[in-house]
PDB file of N, CA and C in Angstrom:
ATOM      1  N   MET A   1       1.152  -0.877   0.573  1.00  0.00           N
ATOM      2  CA  MET A   1      -0.211  -0.432  -0.140  1.00  0.00           C
ATOM      3  C   MET A   1       0.766   1.033  -0.341  1.00  0.00           C
ATOM      4  N   THR A   2       0.725   2.127  -0.685  1.00  0.00           N
ATOM      5  CA  THR A   2       1.594   3.510  -1.213  1.00  0.00           C
ATOM      6  C   THR A   2       0.698   4.853  -0.264  1.00  0.00           C
ATOM      7  N   PHE A   3       0.905   5.930   0.045  1.00  0.00           N
ATOM      8  CA  PHE A   3       0.248   6.483   0.287  1.00  0.00           C
ATOM      9  C   PHE A   3       0.517   8.181  -0.381  1.00  0.00           C
ATOM     10  N   PRO A   4      -0.453   9.190  -0.867  1.00  0.00           N
ATOM     11  CA  PRO A   4       0.527  10.140  -2.190  1.00  0.00           C
ATOM     12  C   PRO A   4       1.493  10.633  -1.125  1.00  0.00           C
ATOM     13  N   THR A   5       0.709  11.188  -0.268  1.00  0.00           N
ATOM     14  CA  THR A   5       2.206  11.912   0.760  1.00  0.00           C
ATOM     15  C   THR A   5       2.530  11.342   1.700  1.00  0.00           C
ATOM     16  N   PRO A   6       3.820  11.400   1.676  1.00  0.00           N
ATOM     17  CA  PRO A   6       4.486  10.623   3.346  1.00  0.00           C
ATOM     18  C   PRO A   6       3.644  10.846   4.481  1.00  0.00           C
ATOM     19  N   VAL A   7       3.533  10.060   5.414  1.00  0.00           N
ATOM     20  CA  VAL A   7       3.259   9.621   6.582  1.00  0.00           C
ATOM     21  C   VAL A   7       3.865  10.143   7.713  1.00  0.00           C
ATOM     22  N   ASP A   8       3.660  10.743   8.664  1.00  0.00           N
ATOM     23  CA  ASP A   8       4.292  11.010   9.857  1.00  0.00           C
ATOM     24  C   ASP A   8       4.759  10.050  10.936  1.00  0.00           C
ATOM     25  N   VAL A   9       2.869   9.437  11.094  1.00  0.00           N
ATOM     26  CA  VAL A   9       2.499   8.435  12.018  1.00  0.00           C
ATOM     27  C   VAL A   9       1.941   7.125  11.568  1.00  0.00           C
ATOM     28  N   ALA A  10       2.211   5.931  11.879  1.00  0.00           N
ATOM     29  CA  ALA A  10       0.859   5.159  11.381  1.00  0.00           C
ATOM     30  C   ALA A  10       0.381   4.205  12.689  1.00  0.00           C
ATOM     31  N   ILE A  11      -0.433   4.191  13.086  1.00  0.00           N
ATOM     32  CA  ILE A  11      -1.279   3.833  14.032  1.00  0.00           C
ATOM     33  C   ILE A  11      -1.863   2.441  13.901  1.00  0.00           C
ATOM     34  N   VAL A  12      -1.395   1.729  14.515  1.00  0.00           N
ATOM     35  CA  VAL A  12      -2.429   0.264  14.155  1.00  0.00           C
ATOM     36  C   VAL A  12      -3.254   0.089  15.420  1.00  0.00           C
ATOM     37  N   GLY A  13      -4.533   0.010  15.032  1.00  0.00           N
ATOM     38  CA  GLY A  13      -4.961  -0.357  15.882  1.00  0.00           C
ATOM     39  C   GLY A  13      -6.081   1.314  16.318  1.00  0.00           C
ATOM     40  N   GLY A  14      -7.509   1.346  15.828  1.00  0.00           N
ATOM     41  CA  GLY A  14      -8.318   2.458  16.119  1.00  0.00           C
ATOM     42  C   GLY A  14      -9.213   2.220  17.731  1.00  0.00           C
ATOM     43  N   GLY A  15      -8.921   1.748  18.662  1.00  0.00           N
ATOM     44  CA  GLY A  15      -9.978   1.695  19.421  1.00  0.00           C
ATOM     45  C   GLY A  15      -9.218   3.311  20.321  1.00  0.00           C
ATOM     46  N   PRO A  16     -10.022   3.227  21.921  1.00  0.00           N
ATOM     47  CA  PRO A  16      -9.833   4.620  21.990  1.00  0.00           C
ATOM     48  C   PRO A  16      -8.074   5.312  22.404  1.00  0.00           C
ATOM     49  N   ALA A  17      -7.881   4.158  22.721  1.00  0.00           N
ATOM     50  CA  ALA A  17      -6.141   4.963  22.581  1.00  0.00           C
ATOM     51  C   ALA A  17      -5.694   5.096  21.229  1.00  0.00           C
ATOM     52  N   GLY A  18      -5.340   4.216  20.502  1.00  0.00           N
ATOM     53  CA  GLY A  18      -4.908   4.971  19.302  1.00  0.00           C
ATOM     54  C   GLY A  18      -5.760   5.906  18.692  1.00  0.00           C
ATOM     55  N   ALA A  19      -7.542   6.162  18.879  1.00  0.00           N
ATOM     56  CA  ALA A  19      -8.124   7.179  17.736  1.00  0.00           C
ATOM     57  C   ALA A  19      -7.635   8.362  18.791  1.00  0.00           C
ATOM     58  N   TRP A  20      -7.106   7.958  20.097  1.00  0.00           N
ATOM     59  CA  TRP A  20      -7.133   9.997  20.166  1.00  0.00           C
ATOM     60  C   TRP A  20      -5.721   9.744  20.653  1.00  0.00           C
ATOM     61  N   THR A  21      -4.805   8.767  20.167  1.00  0.00           N
ATOM     62  CA  THR A  21      -3.523   9.356  19.685  1.00  0.00           C
ATOM     63  C   THR A  21      -3.264   9.870  18.499  1.00  0.00           C
ATOM     64  N   ALA A  22      -3.833   9.488  17.492  1.00  0.00           N
ATOM     65  CA  ALA A  22      -4.607  10.235  16.490  1.00  0.00           C
ATOM     66  C   ALA A  22      -5.117  11.276  15.915  1.00  0.00           C
ATOM     67  N   PHE A  23      -6.324  11.615  17.049  1.00  0.00           N
ATOM     68  CA  PHE A  23      -6.904  12.636  17.354  1.00  0.00           C
ATOM     69  C   PHE A  23      -5.387  13.896  17.259  1.00  0.00           C
ATOM     70  N   ARG A  24      -4.825  13.227  18.892  1.00  0.00           N
ATOM     71  CA  ARG A  24      -3.727  14.730  19.154  1.00  0.00           C
ATOM     72  C   ARG A  24      -2.941  14.819  17.928  1.00  0.00           C
ATOM     73  N   LEU A  25      -2.197  14.108  17.656  1.00  0.00           N
ATOM     74  CA  LEU A  25      -1.426  14.262  16.563  1.00  0.00           C
ATOM     75  C   LEU A  25      -1.673  15.049  15.601  1.00  0.00           C
ATOM     76  N   ALA A  26      -2.721  14.551  15.185  1.00  0.00           N
ATOM     77  CA  ALA A  26      -3.228  15.143  13.732  1.00  0.00           C
ATOM     78  C   ALA A  26      -3.893  17.044  13.956  1.00  0.00           C
ATOM     79  N   ARG A  27      -4.376  16.789  15.064  1.00  0.00           N
ATOM     80  CA  ARG A  27      -4.450  18.577  15.566  1.00  0.00           C
ATOM     81  C   ARG A  27      -3.092  18.836  15.676  1.00  0.00           C
ATOM     82  N   ALA A  28      -2.382  17.911  16.210  1.00  0.00           N
ATOM     83  CA  ALA A  28      -0.461  18.568  16.200  1.00  0.00           C
ATOM     84  C   ALA A  28      -0.161  19.122  14.890  1.00  0.00           C
ATOM     85  N   GLY A  29      -0.176  18.935  14.435  1.00  0.00           N
ATOM     86  CA  GLY A  29       0.099  18.595  12.515  1.00  0.00           C
ATOM     87  C   GLY A  29       0.466  17.429  11.801  1.00  0.00           C
ATOM     88  N   ALA A  30       0.607  15.823  12.110  1.00  0.00           N
ATOM     89  CA  ALA A  30       0.935  15.438  12.213  1.00  0.00           C
ATOM     90  C   ALA A  30       0.256  14.522  11.284  1.00  0.00           C
ATOM     91  N   ARG A  31       1.168  14.082   9.847  1.00  0.00           N
ATOM     92  CA  ARG A  31       0.013  13.047   8.948  1.00  0.00           C
ATOM     93  C   ARG A  31      -0.463  11.622   9.298  1.00  0.00           C
ATOM     94  N   VAL A  32      -1.186  11.901   9.776  1.00  0.00           N
ATOM     95  CA  VAL A  32      -1.243  10.141  10.726  1.00  0.00           C
ATOM     96  C   VAL A  32      -2.248   8.968   9.879  1.00  0.00           C
ATOM     97  N   VAL A  33      -1.832   7.959   9.618  1.00  0.00           N
ATOM     98  CA  VAL A  33      -2.780   6.702   9.354  1.00  0.00           C
ATOM     99  C   VAL A  33      -3.049   6.004  10.872  1.00  0.00           C
ATOM    100  N   VAL A  34      -4.464   5.499  10.745  1.00  0.00           N
ATOM    101  CA  VAL A  34      -4.544   4.552  11.758  1.00  0.00           C
ATOM    102  C   VAL A  34      -5.131   3.394  11.393  1.00  0.00           C
ATOM    103  N   PHE A  35      -4.445   2.410  11.299  1.00  0.00           N
ATOM    104  CA  PHE A  35      -4.714   0.566  10.935  1.00  0.00           C
ATOM    105  C   PHE A  35      -5.966  -0.183  11.678  1.00  0.00           C
ATOM    106  N   ASP A  36      -7.062   0.039  10.853  1.00  0.00           N
ATOM    107  CA  ASP A  36      -7.912  -1.295  12.022  1.00  0.00           C
ATOM    108  C   ASP A  36      -8.908  -1.400  10.806  1.00  0.00           C
ATOM    109  N   GLY A  37      -8.925  -2.770  10.653  1.00  0.00           N
ATOM    110  CA  GLY A  37     -10.377  -3.504  10.158  1.00  0.00           C
ATOM    111  C   GLY A  37     -10.878  -3.960  10.588  1.00  0.00           C
ATOM    112  N   THR A  38     -10.819  -3.900  12.369  1.00  0.00           N
ATOM    113  CA  THR A  38     -12.568  -3.970  12.914  1.00  0.00           C
ATOM    114  C   THR A  38     -13.613  -3.239  13.098  1.00  0.00           C
ATOM    115  N   HIS A  39     -13.645  -1.840  13.105  1.00  0.00           N
ATOM    116  CA  HIS A  39     -14.167  -0.853  13.306  1.00  0.00           C
ATOM    117  C   HIS A  39     -15.671  -0.418  12.042  1.00  0.00           C
ATOM    118  N   PRO A  40     -16.740  -0.311  12.314  1.00  0.00           N
ATOM    119  CA  PRO A  40     -16.659  -0.900  13.222  1.00  0.00           C
ATOM    120  C   PRO A  40     -16.880  -1.918  14.093  1.00  0.00           C
ATOM    121  N   ARG A  41     -16.625  -2.249  15.441  1.00  0.00           N
ATOM    122  CA  ARG A  41     -17.281  -3.628  16.303  1.00  0.00           C
ATOM    123  C   ARG A  41     -17.842  -2.890  17.615  1.00  0.00           C
ATOM    124  N   GLU A  42     -18.438  -3.843  18.022  1.00  0.00           N
ATOM    125  CA  GLU A  42     -19.040  -4.488  19.379  1.00  0.00           C
ATOM    126  C   GLU A  42     -18.242  -4.631  20.828  1.00  0.00           C
ATOM    127  N   LYS A  43     -18.018  -3.883  21.936  1.00  0.00           N
ATOM    128  CA  LYS A  43     -16.869  -4.881  22.421  1.00  0.00           C
ATOM    129  C   LYS A  43     -17.295  -5.220  24.259  1.00  0.00           C
ATOM    130  N   PRO A  44     -17.205  -6.588  23.922  1.00  0.00           N
ATOM    131  CA  PRO A  44     -18.368  -7.032  25.293  1.00  0.00           C
ATOM    132  C   PRO A  44     -17.773  -6.625  26.405  1.00  0.00           C
ATOM    133  N   CYS A  45     -18.150  -5.541  26.988  1.00  0.00           N
ATOM    134  CA  CYS A  45     -17.278  -5.422  28.558  1.00  0.00           C
ATOM    135  C   CYS A  45     -18.706  -4.038  28.853  1.00  0.00           C
ATOM    136  N   GLY A  46     -18.203  -4.043  30.366  1.00  0.00           N
ATOM    137  CA  GLY A  46     -20.002  -3.059  30.861  1.00  0.00           C
ATOM    138  C   GLY A  46     -20.289  -2.099  30.265  1.00  0.00           C
ATOM    139  N   GLY A  47     -18.705  -1.299  29.088  1.00  0.00           N
ATOM    140  CA  GLY A  47     -19.222   0.357  28.594  1.00  0.00           C
ATOM    141  C   GLY A  47     -19.320   1.311  29.678  1.00  0.00           C
ATOM    142  N   GLY A  48     -18.417   0.744  30.940  1.00  0.00           N
ATOM    143  CA  GLY A  48     -18.197   2.026  32.230  1.00  0.00           C
ATOM    144  C   GLY A  48     -17.120   2.731  31.067  1.00  0.00           C
ATOM    145  N   VAL A  49     -17.586   4.301  31.404  1.00  0.00           N
ATOM    146  CA  VAL A  49     -15.982   5.430  31.046  1.00  0.00           C
ATOM    147  C   VAL A  49     -16.127   6.328  32.612  1.00  0.00           C
ATOM    148  N   THR A  50     -14.746   6.171  32.383  1.00  0.00           N
ATOM    149  CA  THR A  50     -14.997   6.848  33.983  1.00  0.00           C
ATOM    150  C   THR A  50     -15.279   8.528  32.998  1.00  0.00           C
ATOM    151  N   GLY A  51     -14.936   9.483  34.864  1.00  0.00           N
ATOM    152  CA  GLY A  51     -14.995  10.569  34.113  1.00  0.00           C
ATOM    153  C   GLY A  51     -13.761  10.899  33.879  1.00  0.00           C
ATOM    154  N   ARG A  52     -12.853  10.704  34.595  1.00  0.00           N
ATOM    155  CA  ARG A  52     -11.486  10.775  34.089  1.00  0.00           C
ATOM    156  C   ARG A  52     -10.600  10.353  32.471  1.00  0.00           C
ATOM    157  N   ALA A  53     -11.590   9.550  31.863  1.00  0.00           N
ATOM    158  CA  ALA A  53     -11.764   9.619  30.235  1.00  0.00           C
ATOM    159  C   ALA A  53     -12.273  10.131  29.879  1.00  0.00           C
ATOM    160  N   LEU A  54     -13.511  10.406  30.181  1.00  0.00           N
ATOM    161  CA  LEU A  54     -13.870  11.357  29.596  1.00  0.00           C
ATOM    162  C   LEU A  54     -13.826  13.152  29.455  1.00  0.00           C
ATOM    163  N   ALA A  55     -13.042  13.131  30.575  1.00  0.00           N
ATOM    164  CA  ALA A  55     -12.569  14.856  30.451  1.00  0.00           C
ATOM    165  C   ALA A  55     -11.178  14.592  29.642  1.00  0.00           C
ATOM    166  N   LEU A  56     -10.692  13.653  29.591  1.00  0.00           N
ATOM    167  CA  LEU A  56      -9.372  13.422  29.085  1.00  0.00           C
ATOM    168  C   LEU A  56      -9.884  13.641  26.979  1.00  0.00           C
ATOM    169  N   VAL A  57     -10.829  13.021  27.088  1.00  0.00           N
ATOM    170  CA  VAL A  57     -11.118  13.322  25.104  1.00  0.00           C
ATOM    171  C   VAL A  57     -12.230  14.076  24.817  1.00  0.00           C
ATOM    172  N   ARG A  58     -12.409  14.962  26.307  1.00  0.00           N
ATOM    173  CA  ARG A  58     -13.469  16.150  25.928  1.00  0.00           C
ATOM    174  C   ARG A  58     -13.838  16.565  24.910  1.00  0.00           C
ATOM    175  N   GLU A  59     -11.799  16.908  24.590  1.00  0.00           N
ATOM    176  CA  GLU A  59     -11.446  18.321  22.988  1.00  0.00           C
ATOM    177  C   GLU A  59     -12.452  17.299  22.184  1.00  0.00           C
ATOM    178  N   ALA A  60     -11.900  16.362  22.182  1.00  0.00           N
ATOM    179  CA  ALA A  60     -12.944  15.248  20.778  1.00  0.00           C
ATOM    180  C   ALA A  60     -13.783  14.904  20.618  1.00  0.00           C
ATOM    181  N   LEU A  61     -14.403  14.489  21.929  1.00  0.00           N
ATOM    182  CA  LEU A  61     -16.095  13.929  22.320  1.00  0.00           C
ATOM    183  C   LEU A  61     -16.628  14.620  23.281  1.00  0.00           C
ATOM    184  N   PRO A  62     -17.371  15.899  23.416  1.00  0.00           N
ATOM    185  CA  PRO A  62     -18.042  16.553  24.965  1.00  0.00           C
ATOM    186  C   PRO A  62     -18.834  15.849  25.373  1.00  0.00           C
ATOM    187  N   ALA A  63     -18.892  15.396  26.446  1.00  0.00           N
ATOM    188  CA  ALA A  63     -19.743  14.579  27.128  1.00  0.00           C
ATOM    189  C   ALA A  63     -20.812  14.675  26.212  1.00  0.00           C
ATOM    190  N   SER A  64     -21.459  15.731  26.359  1.00  0.00           N
ATOM    191  CA  SER A  64     -23.296  16.082  25.964  1.00  0.00           C
ATOM    192  C   SER A  64     -23.477  15.835  24.641  1.00  0.00           C
ATOM    193  N   GLY A  65     -22.442  15.163  24.273  1.00  0.00           N
ATOM    194  CA  GLY A  65     -22.591  14.487  22.868  1.00  0.00           C
ATOM    195  C   GLY A  65     -23.118  12.991  22.877  1.00  0.00           C
ATOM    196  N   LEU A  66     -22.656  12.169  23.959  1.00  0.00           N
ATOM    197  CA  LEU A  66     -22.288  10.699  24.087  1.00  0.00           C
ATOM    198  C   LEU A  66     -24.041  10.067  24.153  1.00  0.00           C
ATOM    199  N   ALA A  67     -24.320   9.423  23.860  1.00  0.00           N
ATOM    200  CA  ALA A  67     -26.017   8.547  24.398  1.00  0.00           C
ATOM    201  C   ALA A  67     -24.830   7.601  24.846  1.00  0.00           C
ATOM    202  N   GLY A  68     -25.079   8.142  26.529  1.00  0.00           N
ATOM    203  CA  GLY A  68     -25.301   6.790  27.797  1.00  0.00           C
ATOM    204  C   GLY A  68     -25.963   7.694  29.032  1.00  0.00           C
ATOM    205  N   GLN A  69     -25.425   6.410  29.773  1.00  0.00           N
ATOM    206  CA  GLN A  69     -26.432   6.705  30.775  1.00  0.00           C
ATOM    207  C   GLN A  69     -25.431   6.687  32.064  1.00  0.00           C
ATOM    208  N   PRO A  70     -25.041   8.289  32.966  1.00  0.00           N
ATOM    209  CA  PRO A  70     -24.847   8.748  33.766  1.00  0.00           C
ATOM    210  C   PRO A  70     -24.609   7.958  35.271  1.00  0.00           C
ATOM    211  N   ILE A  71     -23.696   6.973  36.125  1.00  0.00           N
ATOM    212  CA  ILE A  71     -23.987   6.614  37.254  1.00  0.00           C
ATOM    213  C   ILE A  71     -23.230   8.166  38.101  1.00  0.00           C
ATOM    214  N   ALA A  72     -24.790   7.994  39.064  1.00  0.00           N
ATOM    215  CA  ALA A  72     -24.156   9.269  40.577  1.00  0.00           C
ATOM    216  C   ALA A  72     -23.346   8.263  41.238  1.00  0.00           C
ATOM    217  N   SER A  73     -23.624   6.898  41.639  1.00  0.00           N
ATOM    218  CA  SER A  73     -23.268   6.007  42.637  1.00  0.00           C
ATOM    219  C   SER A  73     -23.361   4.825  42.327  1.00  0.00           C
ATOM    220  N   ALA A  74     -22.460   4.150  43.356  1.00  0.00           N
ATOM    221  CA  ALA A  74     -22.460   2.450  43.079  1.00  0.00           C
ATOM    222  C   ALA A  74     -22.389   2.088  44.635  1.00  0.00           C
ATOM    223  N   THR A  75     -22.996   1.127  44.923  1.00  0.00           N
ATOM    224  CA  THR A  75     -23.720   0.226  46.364  1.00  0.00           C
ATOM    225  C   THR A  75     -22.741  -1.393  46.284  1.00  0.00           C
ATOM    226  N   PHE A  76     -22.381  -1.208  47.054  1.00  0.00           N
ATOM    227  CA  PHE A  76     -21.731  -2.533  47.092  1.00  0.00           C
ATOM    228  C   PHE A  76     -22.322  -3.279  48.145  1.00  0.00           C
ATOM    229  N   ILE A  77     -22.355  -4.725  47.652  1.00  0.00           N
ATOM    230  CA  ILE A  77     -22.928  -5.025  48.503  1.00  0.00           C
ATOM    231  C   ILE A  77     -22.784  -7.065  49.222  1.00  0.00           C
ATOM    232  N   ASP A  78     -22.976  -6.937  49.975  1.00  0.00           N
ATOM    233  CA  ASP A  78     -21.751  -8.520  50.781  1.00  0.00           C
ATOM    234  C   ASP A  78     -22.629  -8.905  51.876  1.00  0.00           C
ATOM    235  N   PRO A  79     -23.450  -9.699  51.699  1.00  0.00           N
ATOM    236  CA  PRO A  79     -24.269 -10.537  53.018  1.00  0.00           C
ATOM    237  C   PRO A  79     -23.623 -10.571  54.263  1.00  0.00           C
ATOM    238  N   ALA A  80     -22.006 -10.583  54.431  1.00  0.00           N
ATOM    239  CA  ALA A  80     -21.799 -10.427  55.950  1.00  0.00           C
ATOM    240  C   ALA A  80     -22.003  -9.324  56.229  1.00  0.00           C
ATOM    241  N   VAL A  81     -21.755  -7.727  55.658  1.00  0.00           N
ATOM    242  CA  VAL A  81     -21.515  -6.866  56.219  1.00  0.00           C
ATOM    243  C   VAL A  81     -22.776  -5.870  55.719  1.00  0.00           C
ATOM    244  N   ARG A  82     -22.383  -3.963  55.965  1.00  0.00           N
ATOM    245  CA  ARG A  82     -24.184  -4.247  55.935  1.00  0.00           C
ATOM    246  C   ARG A  82     -23.409  -3.341  54.769  1.00  0.00           C
ATOM    247  N   PRO A  83     -24.684  -2.905  53.611  1.00  0.00           N
ATOM    248  CA  PRO A  83     -24.274  -2.378  52.266  1.00  0.00           C
ATOM    249  C   PRO A  83     -23.760  -1.103  52.356  1.00  0.00           C
ATOM    250  N   ALA A  84     -22.503  -0.898  51.735  1.00  0.00           N
ATOM    251  CA  ALA A  84     -22.031   0.652  51.019  1.00  0.00           C
ATOM    252  C   ALA A  84     -22.183   1.163  49.861  1.00  0.00           C
ATOM    253  N   THR A  85     -23.241   2.220  49.881  1.00  0.00           N
ATOM    254  CA  THR A  85     -22.796   3.686  48.826  1.00  0.00           C
ATOM    255  C   THR A  85     -21.779   4.785  48.736  1.00  0.00           C
ATOM    256  N   VAL A  86     -21.108   4.341  47.395  1.00  0.00           N
ATOM    257  CA  VAL A  86     -20.766   5.681  47.339  1.00  0.00           C
ATOM    258  C   VAL A  86     -21.255   6.146  46.249  1.00  0.00           C
ATOM    259  N   PRO A  87     -21.166   7.705  46.770  1.00  0.00           N
ATOM    260  CA  PRO A  87     -20.705   8.421  45.787  1.00  0.00           C
ATOM    261  C   PRO A  87     -20.430   8.292  44.713  1.00  0.00           C
ATOM    262  N   LEU A  88     -20.662   8.768  42.983  1.00  0.00           N
ATOM    263  CA  LEU A  88     -19.992   8.916  41.676  1.00  0.00           C
ATOM    264  C   LEU A  88     -19.881  10.434  41.196  1.00  0.00           C
ATOM    265  N   ALA A  89     -20.500  10.654  41.246  1.00  0.00           N
ATOM    266  CA  ALA A  89     -21.036  12.408  40.430  1.00  0.00           C
ATOM    267  C   ALA A  89     -20.355  13.354  41.748  1.00  0.00           C
ATOM    268  N   GLY A  90     -20.782  14.265  40.908  1.00  0.00           N
ATOM    269  CA  GLY A  90     -20.235  15.388  41.454  1.00  0.00           C
ATOM    270  C   GLY A  90     -18.605  16.452  41.161  1.00  0.00           C
ATOM    271  N   GLY A  91     -18.161  17.326  41.962  1.00  0.00           N
ATOM    272  CA  GLY A  91     -17.540  18.196  41.574  1.00  0.00           C
ATOM    273  C   GLY A  91     -16.089  18.160  40.791  1.00  0.00           C
ATOM    274  N   ASP A  92     -15.814  16.545  41.242  1.00  0.00           N
ATOM    275  CA  ASP A  92     -14.491  15.638  40.777  1.00  0.00           C
ATOM    276  C   ASP A  92     -14.924  15.102  39.666  1.00  0.00           C
ATOM    277  N   ALA A  93     -14.783  15.408  38.629  1.00  0.00           N
ATOM    278  CA  ALA A  93     -14.873  14.635  37.259  1.00  0.00           C
ATOM    279  C   ALA A  93     -14.381  13.182  37.163  1.00  0.00           C
ATOM    280  N   ARG A  94     -12.826  13.051  37.726  1.00  0.00           N
ATOM    281  CA  ARG A  94     -12.573  11.821  37.795  1.00  0.00           C
ATOM    282  C   ARG A  94     -13.074  11.238  38.771  1.00  0.00           C
ATOM    283  N   ALA A  95     -13.845  11.709  39.705  1.00  0.00           N
ATOM    284  CA  ALA A  95     -14.964  10.243  40.322  1.00  0.00           C
ATOM    285  C   ALA A  95     -16.024   9.918  39.809  1.00  0.00           C
ATOM    286  N   SER A  96     -16.601  10.954  38.243  1.00  0.00           N
ATOM    287  CA  SER A  96     -17.797  10.254  37.834  1.00  0.00           C
ATOM    288  C   SER A  96     -17.499   8.554  36.675  1.00  0.00           C
ATOM    289  N   LEU A  97     -19.135   8.567  36.554  1.00  0.00           N
ATOM    290  CA  LEU A  97     -18.762   7.270  35.675  1.00  0.00           C
ATOM    291  C   LEU A  97     -20.190   7.801  34.937  1.00  0.00           C
ATOM    292  N   MET A  98     -20.001   7.351  33.088  1.00  0.00           N
ATOM    293  CA  MET A  98     -21.183   7.114  32.930  1.00  0.00           C
ATOM    294  C   MET A  98     -20.659   5.393  31.579  1.00  0.00           C
ATOM    295  N   VAL A  99     -21.923   5.019  31.504  1.00  0.00           N
ATOM    296  CA  VAL A  99     -22.279   3.995  30.751  1.00  0.00           C
ATOM    297  C   VAL A  99     -22.226   3.832  29.131  1.00  0.00           C
ATOM    298  N   VAL A 100     -22.058   3.935  28.359  1.00  0.00           N
ATOM    299  CA  VAL A 100     -22.353   4.256  27.250  1.00  0.00           C
ATOM    300  C   VAL A 100     -22.231   2.787  26.289  1.00  0.00           C
ATOM    301  N   ASP A 101     -22.635   2.759  24.595  1.00  0.00           N
ATOM    302  CA  ASP A 101     -22.478   2.045  24.080  1.00  0.00           C
ATOM    303  C   ASP A 101     -20.666   2.349  23.362  1.00  0.00           C
ATOM    304  N   ARG A 102     -20.232   0.806  23.619  1.00  0.00           N
ATOM    305  CA  ARG A 102     -18.990   1.659  23.384  1.00  0.00           C
ATOM    306  C   ARG A 102     -18.891   1.171  21.791  1.00  0.00           C
ATOM    307  N   ARG A 103     -19.151   0.551  20.873  1.00  0.00           N
ATOM    308  CA  ARG A 103     -19.654   0.509  19.834  1.00  0.00           C
ATOM    309  C   ARG A 103     -19.461   2.172  19.127  1.00  0.00           C
ATOM    310  N   SER A 104     -20.410   2.537  19.156  1.00  0.00           N
ATOM    311  CA  SER A 104     -21.016   4.308  19.758  1.00  0.00           C
ATOM    312  C   SER A 104     -19.205   4.599  19.397  1.00  0.00           C
ATOM    313  N   PHE A 105     -19.386   4.697  21.264  1.00  0.00           N
ATOM    314  CA  PHE A 105     -18.077   5.988  21.732  1.00  0.00           C
ATOM    315  C   PHE A 105     -17.106   4.981  21.215  1.00  0.00           C
ATOM    316  N   ASP A 106     -16.654   4.379  20.498  1.00  0.00           N
ATOM    317  CA  ASP A 106     -14.736   3.901  19.280  1.00  0.00           C
ATOM    318  C   ASP A 106     -15.561   4.567  17.700  1.00  0.00           C
ATOM    319  N   ALA A 107     -16.942   4.715  17.626  1.00  0.00           N
ATOM    320  CA  ALA A 107     -16.839   5.368  16.514  1.00  0.00           C
ATOM    321  C   ALA A 107     -16.357   6.542  16.073  1.00  0.00           C
ATOM    322  N   SER A 108     -17.362   7.121  16.899  1.00  0.00           N
ATOM    323  CA  SER A 108     -16.687   8.602  17.417  1.00  0.00           C
ATOM    324  C   SER A 108     -15.487   9.235  17.699  1.00  0.00           C
ATOM    325  N   LEU A 109     -14.884   8.241  18.489  1.00  0.00           N
ATOM    326  CA  LEU A 109     -13.402   9.361  18.700  1.00  0.00           C
ATOM    327  C   LEU A 109     -12.975   8.951  17.372  1.00  0.00           C
ATOM    328  N   LEU A 110     -13.057   7.588  16.652  1.00  0.00           N
ATOM    329  CA  LEU A 110     -12.341   7.708  15.485  1.00  0.00           C
ATOM    330  C   LEU A 110     -12.663   8.520  14.811  1.00  0.00           C
ATOM    331  N   GLU A 111     -14.236   8.604  14.405  1.00  0.00           N
ATOM    332  CA  GLU A 111     -14.786   9.563  13.559  1.00  0.00           C
ATOM    333  C   GLU A 111     -13.931  10.892  13.923  1.00  0.00           C
ATOM    334  N   ALA A 112     -13.749  11.769  15.458  1.00  0.00           N
ATOM    335  CA  ALA A 112     -13.206  12.890  15.238  1.00  0.00           C
ATOM    336  C   ALA A 112     -11.581  13.179  14.764  1.00  0.00           C
ATOM    337  N   ALA A 113     -10.758  11.553  14.986  1.00  0.00           N
ATOM    338  CA  ALA A 113      -9.745  11.433  14.447  1.00  0.00           C
ATOM    339  C   ALA A 113      -9.874  11.958  13.178  1.00  0.00           C
ATOM    340  N   GLY A 114     -10.244  11.337  12.425  1.00  0.00           N
ATOM    341  CA  GLY A 114     -10.632  11.750  11.095  1.00  0.00           C
ATOM    342  C   GLY A 114     -10.700  13.186  10.251  1.00  0.00           C
ATOM    343  N   ARG A 115     -11.757  14.097  11.812  1.00  0.00           N
ATOM    344  CA  ARG A 115     -12.417  15.353  11.383  1.00  0.00           C
ATOM    345  C   ARG A 115     -10.679  16.040  11.509  1.00  0.00           C
ATOM    346  N   ALA A 116      -9.779  15.856  12.659  1.00  0.00           N
ATOM    347  CA  ALA A 116      -8.820  15.904  13.364  1.00  0.00           C
ATOM    348  C   ALA A 116      -7.607  15.570  11.871  1.00  0.00           C
ATOM    349  N   GLY A 117      -7.877  15.478  11.025  1.00  0.00           N
ATOM    350  CA  GLY A 117      -7.708  14.975   9.665  1.00  0.00           C
ATOM    351  C   GLY A 117      -6.682  13.758   9.374  1.00  0.00           C
ATOM    352  N   ALA A 118      -6.425  12.541  10.152  1.00  0.00           N
ATOM    353  CA  ALA A 118      -6.022  11.537  10.604  1.00  0.00           C
ATOM    354  C   ALA A 118      -6.977  10.564   9.372  1.00  0.00           C
ATOM    355  N   GLU A 119      -6.299   9.781   9.251  1.00  0.00           N
ATOM    356  CA  GLU A 119      -7.284   8.839   7.933  1.00  0.00           C
ATOM    357  C   GLU A 119      -7.022   7.334   8.547  1.00  0.00           C
ATOM    358  N   HIS A 120      -8.196   6.673   8.267  1.00  0.00           N
ATOM    359  CA  HIS A 120      -8.394   5.381   8.881  1.00  0.00           C
ATOM    360  C   HIS A 120      -8.387   5.024   7.276  1.00  0.00           C
ATOM    361  N   VAL A 121      -7.566   3.738   7.967  1.00  0.00           N
ATOM    362  CA  VAL A 121      -7.294   2.768   6.930  1.00  0.00           C
ATOM    363  C   VAL A 121      -7.931   1.106   7.361  1.00  0.00           C
ATOM    364  N   PRO A 122      -9.520   0.677   6.688  1.00  0.00           N
ATOM    365  CA  PRO A 122      -9.920  -0.362   7.005  1.00  0.00           C
ATOM    366  C   PRO A 122      -9.393  -1.506   6.708  1.00  0.00           C
ATOM    367  N   GLU A 123      -7.957  -2.052   7.374  1.00  0.00           N
ATOM    368  CA  GLU A 123      -7.303  -3.047   6.766  1.00  0.00           C
ATOM    369  C   GLU A 123      -6.852  -3.541   8.251  1.00  0.00           C
ATOM    370  N   ARG A 124      -6.389  -4.884   8.339  1.00  0.00           N
ATOM    371  CA  ARG A 124      -5.595  -5.471   9.263  1.00  0.00           C
ATOM    372  C   ARG A 124      -4.116  -5.391   8.715  1.00  0.00           C
ATOM    373  N   VAL A 125      -3.249  -5.218   9.772  1.00  0.00           N
ATOM    374  CA  VAL A 125      -1.418  -4.537   9.592  1.00  0.00           C
ATOM    375  C   VAL A 125      -0.735  -6.550   9.841  1.00  0.00           C
TER     376      VAL A 125
END
């Protein structure tokens, strides 16, 4: 495979880490190509994205634009002790949690990288 212009950075994997890296590098002026033949894909997980992670990618994906369910607290239950409820939301964004559809979240982050100038090549390396 050849590209019409030289590439500064090739990223293998367009998941959140690869897409975020591509977004940041492309915004800084690098010519970036992301290789990932698996998008769009489902991710078998609970879909929890921490407030810290959301704050990190806010530049590319404002939380208000994400379809998901904010989680305000978590309750830990153990039959041997009294249940404990821990608040997650509040002034500290790192303490909050949002459950999102990972297929949409990952795709939106990869699309943001594309808008920043990165090229997605839907192929395996």
